[in-house]
């Protein structure tokens, strides 16, 4: 799993993570664990799996690090 920092969140249900290989898109449905997308904040540390979406790379299985 890769690690990164939430760089930007939108009110449309998606955001971007500043990851090890640059910025990567993520959708609210990719957030796992007890914290929901609405409780995320910019600057939080997360881990994720890199996947492929219809428009390019995206983060999947996004989990907030304690």
C-alpha atoms as a PDB file:
ATOM      1  CA  UNK A   1       0.000   0.000   0.000  1.00  0.00           C
ATOM      2  CA  UNK A   2       1.108   3.538  -0.726  1.00  0.00           C
ATOM      3  CA  UNK A   3       0.917   6.463   1.687  1.00  0.00           C
ATOM      4  CA  UNK A   4       0.165  10.118   1.136  1.00  0.00           C
ATOM      5  CA  UNK A   5      -1.517  13.275   2.394  1.00  0.00           C
ATOM      6  CA  UNK A   6      -4.957  14.535   1.440  1.00  0.00           C
ATOM      7  CA  UNK A   7      -4.225  17.577  -0.699  1.00  0.00           C
ATOM      8  CA  UNK A   8      -7.703  18.712  -1.771  1.00  0.00           C
ATOM      9  CA  UNK A   9     -11.318  17.761  -1.054  1.00  0.00           C
ATOM     10  CA  UNK A  10     -14.351  18.912  -3.016  1.00  0.00           C
ATOM     11  CA  UNK A  11     -18.022  19.180  -2.128  1.00  0.00           C
ATOM     12  CA  UNK A  12     -18.747  16.903  -5.110  1.00  0.00           C
ATOM     13  CA  UNK A  13     -17.499  13.758  -3.356  1.00  0.00           C
ATOM     14  CA  UNK A  14     -13.950  13.432  -4.577  1.00  0.00           C
ATOM     15  CA  UNK A  15     -10.476  14.648  -3.774  1.00  0.00           C
ATOM     16  CA  UNK A  16      -6.783  14.331  -4.437  1.00  0.00           C
ATOM     17  CA  UNK A  17      -3.993  12.726  -2.451  1.00  0.00           C
ATOM     18  CA  UNK A  18      -0.409  13.939  -2.663  1.00  0.00           C
ATOM     19  CA  UNK A  19       1.234  10.561  -3.006  1.00  0.00           C
ATOM     20  CA  UNK A  20       4.651   9.056  -3.482  1.00  0.00           C
ATOM     21  CA  UNK A  21       4.438   9.449  -7.278  1.00  0.00           C
ATOM     22  CA  UNK A  22       2.516  12.726  -7.475  1.00  0.00           C
ATOM     23  CA  UNK A  23      -1.138  13.642  -7.014  1.00  0.00           C
ATOM     24  CA  UNK A  24      -3.759  10.923  -7.371  1.00  0.00           C
ATOM     25  CA  UNK A  25      -7.561  11.182  -7.615  1.00  0.00           C
ATOM     26  CA  UNK A  26      -9.911   9.415  -5.193  1.00  0.00           C
ATOM     27  CA  UNK A  27     -13.707   9.108  -4.992  1.00  0.00           C
ATOM     28  CA  UNK A  28     -15.725   9.107  -1.766  1.00  0.00           C
ATOM     29  CA  UNK A  29     -16.686   5.457  -2.386  1.00  0.00           C
ATOM     30  CA  UNK A  30     -13.000   4.478  -2.012  1.00  0.00           C
ATOM     31  CA  UNK A  31     -12.847   5.565   1.657  1.00  0.00           C
ATOM     32  CA  UNK A  32     -12.819   2.589   4.040  1.00  0.00           C
ATOM     33  CA  UNK A  33     -12.918   2.219   7.800  1.00  0.00           C
ATOM     34  CA  UNK A  34     -14.828   4.123  10.462  1.00  0.00           C
ATOM     35  CA  UNK A  35     -14.178   7.575   8.985  1.00  0.00           C
ATOM     36  CA  UNK A  36     -16.426   8.678   6.117  1.00  0.00           C
ATOM     37  CA  UNK A  37     -15.585  11.106   3.313  1.00  0.00           C
ATOM     38  CA  UNK A  38     -17.472  13.891   5.143  1.00  0.00           C
ATOM     39  CA  UNK A  39     -15.105  13.563   8.114  1.00  0.00           C
ATOM     40  CA  UNK A  40     -11.873  13.773   6.108  1.00  0.00           C
ATOM     41  CA  UNK A  41      -9.798  16.946   6.124  1.00  0.00           C
ATOM     42  CA  UNK A  42      -6.958  18.281   4.042  1.00  0.00           C
ATOM     43  CA  UNK A  43      -3.576  17.409   5.515  1.00  0.00           C
ATOM     44  CA  UNK A  44      -4.611  14.013   6.899  1.00  0.00           C
ATOM     45  CA  UNK A  45      -2.253  11.099   6.316  1.00  0.00           C
ATOM     46  CA  UNK A  46      -3.780   8.156   4.441  1.00  0.00           C
ATOM     47  CA  UNK A  47      -2.770   4.868   2.896  1.00  0.00           C
ATOM     48  CA  UNK A  48      -4.248   3.546  -0.319  1.00  0.00           C
ATOM     49  CA  UNK A  49      -3.910   1.093  -3.158  1.00  0.00           C
ATOM     50  CA  UNK A  50      -3.269   2.455  -6.641  1.00  0.00           C
ATOM     51  CA  UNK A  51      -5.859   1.420  -9.188  1.00  0.00           C
ATOM     52  CA  UNK A  52      -7.029   2.434 -12.636  1.00  0.00           C
ATOM     53  CA  UNK A  53     -10.210   4.411 -13.298  1.00  0.00           C
ATOM     54  CA  UNK A  54     -11.903   5.444 -16.542  1.00  0.00           C
ATOM     55  CA  UNK A  55      -9.859   8.663 -16.683  1.00  0.00           C
ATOM     56  CA  UNK A  56      -6.531   7.366 -15.375  1.00  0.00           C
ATOM     57  CA  UNK A  57      -4.927   6.382 -12.067  1.00  0.00           C
ATOM     58  CA  UNK A  58      -6.994   6.578  -8.902  1.00  0.00           C
ATOM     59  CA  UNK A  59      -6.615   5.697  -5.240  1.00  0.00           C
ATOM     60  CA  UNK A  60      -8.678   2.789  -3.928  1.00  0.00           C
ATOM     61  CA  UNK A  61      -9.122   1.370  -0.424  1.00  0.00           C
ATOM     62  CA  UNK A  62      -8.295   4.751   1.152  1.00  0.00           C
ATOM     63  CA  UNK A  63      -7.768   4.494   4.931  1.00  0.00           C
ATOM     64  CA  UNK A  64      -6.848   7.236   7.390  1.00  0.00           C
ATOM     65  CA  UNK A  65      -3.647   6.565   9.332  1.00  0.00           C
ATOM     66  CA  UNK A  66      -3.855   7.013  13.091  1.00  0.00           C
END
